[in-house]
Amino acid sequence: MGGHAQADRRRRARALITLIAEASSGREALEHLAQHPVDLLICDWNMPGMTGPRCCRPYAPMQG
């Protein structure tokens, strides 16, 4: 019974993922994000041209 529930969760999770994009630098990532908004952003800590935190900063939730 657990296997069926797990397969159902996987199926639903896959349905949520519509696009995975890759960028070779922080600048390329920001250019892509300007044209294609995302719900989840994952990047390397050190990328060519800028750090991962710098790339994510414009998309961080507002504090306070």
Protein backbone atom coordinates (compact mmCIF):
# COMPACT_ATOMS: atom_id res chain seq x y z
CA MET A 1 0.00 0.00 0.00
CA GLY A 2 2.86 2.40 0.76
CA GLY A 3 4.31 1.86 -2.72
CA HIS A 4 1.12 3.05 -4.38
CA ALA A 5 1.04 6.23 -2.27
CA GLN A 6 4.71 6.90 -3.02
CA ALA A 7 4.15 6.47 -6.76
CA ASP A 8 1.20 8.85 -6.57
CA ARG A 9 3.32 11.47 -4.77
CA ARG A 10 6.02 11.14 -7.46
CA ARG A 11 3.45 11.53 -10.22
CA ARG A 12 2.03 14.68 -8.62
CA ALA A 13 5.52 16.13 -8.02
CA ARG A 14 6.52 15.57 -11.66
CA ALA A 15 3.34 17.34 -12.79
CA LEU A 16 4.46 20.44 -10.86
CA ILE A 17 7.81 20.67 -12.62
CA THR A 18 7.35 22.31 -15.99
CA LEU A 19 10.85 23.53 -16.85
CA ILE A 20 14.38 23.19 -15.63
CA ALA A 21 16.77 25.78 -17.06
CA GLU A 22 20.54 25.97 -16.74
CA ALA A 23 22.83 28.99 -17.00
CA SER A 24 26.61 29.05 -17.30
CA SER A 25 27.03 32.27 -15.30
CA GLY A 26 25.20 34.54 -12.92
CA ARG A 27 24.66 37.12 -15.65
CA GLU A 28 23.12 34.50 -17.94
CA ALA A 29 20.86 33.37 -15.10
CA LEU A 30 19.63 36.92 -14.44
CA GLU A 31 18.99 37.48 -18.15
CA HIS A 32 16.94 34.28 -18.28
CA LEU A 33 15.03 35.16 -15.10
CA ALA A 34 14.11 38.57 -16.50
CA GLN A 35 12.22 36.83 -19.31
CA HIS A 36 11.09 33.65 -17.54
CA PRO A 37 9.89 34.03 -13.92
CA VAL A 38 10.43 30.98 -11.71
CA ASP A 39 8.94 29.53 -8.55
CA LEU A 40 12.19 27.96 -7.38
CA LEU A 41 15.75 29.18 -7.94
CA ILE A 42 18.75 26.99 -7.16
CA CYS A 43 22.26 28.12 -8.01
CA ASP A 44 25.88 27.46 -7.15
CA TRP A 45 27.53 29.47 -4.40
CA ASN A 46 30.37 30.47 -6.74
CA MET A 47 29.50 31.12 -10.37
CA PRO A 48 31.44 32.93 -13.06
CA GLY A 49 30.80 36.66 -12.70
CA MET A 50 28.94 36.68 -9.37
CA THR A 51 28.13 34.62 -6.32
CA GLY A 52 24.99 32.58 -5.94
CA PRO A 53 23.71 34.75 -3.08
CA ARG A 54 24.20 37.88 -5.23
CA CYS A 55 22.25 36.24 -8.06
CA CYS A 56 19.40 35.27 -5.70
CA ARG A 57 19.26 38.60 -3.82
CA PRO A 58 16.63 40.23 -6.09
CA TYR A 59 14.37 37.22 -5.53
CA ALA A 60 14.74 36.91 -1.76
CA PRO A 61 11.57 37.47 0.26
CA MET A 62 11.14 40.92 1.72
CA GLN A 63 12.18 41.13 5.38
CA GLY A 64 10.07 42.75 8.08
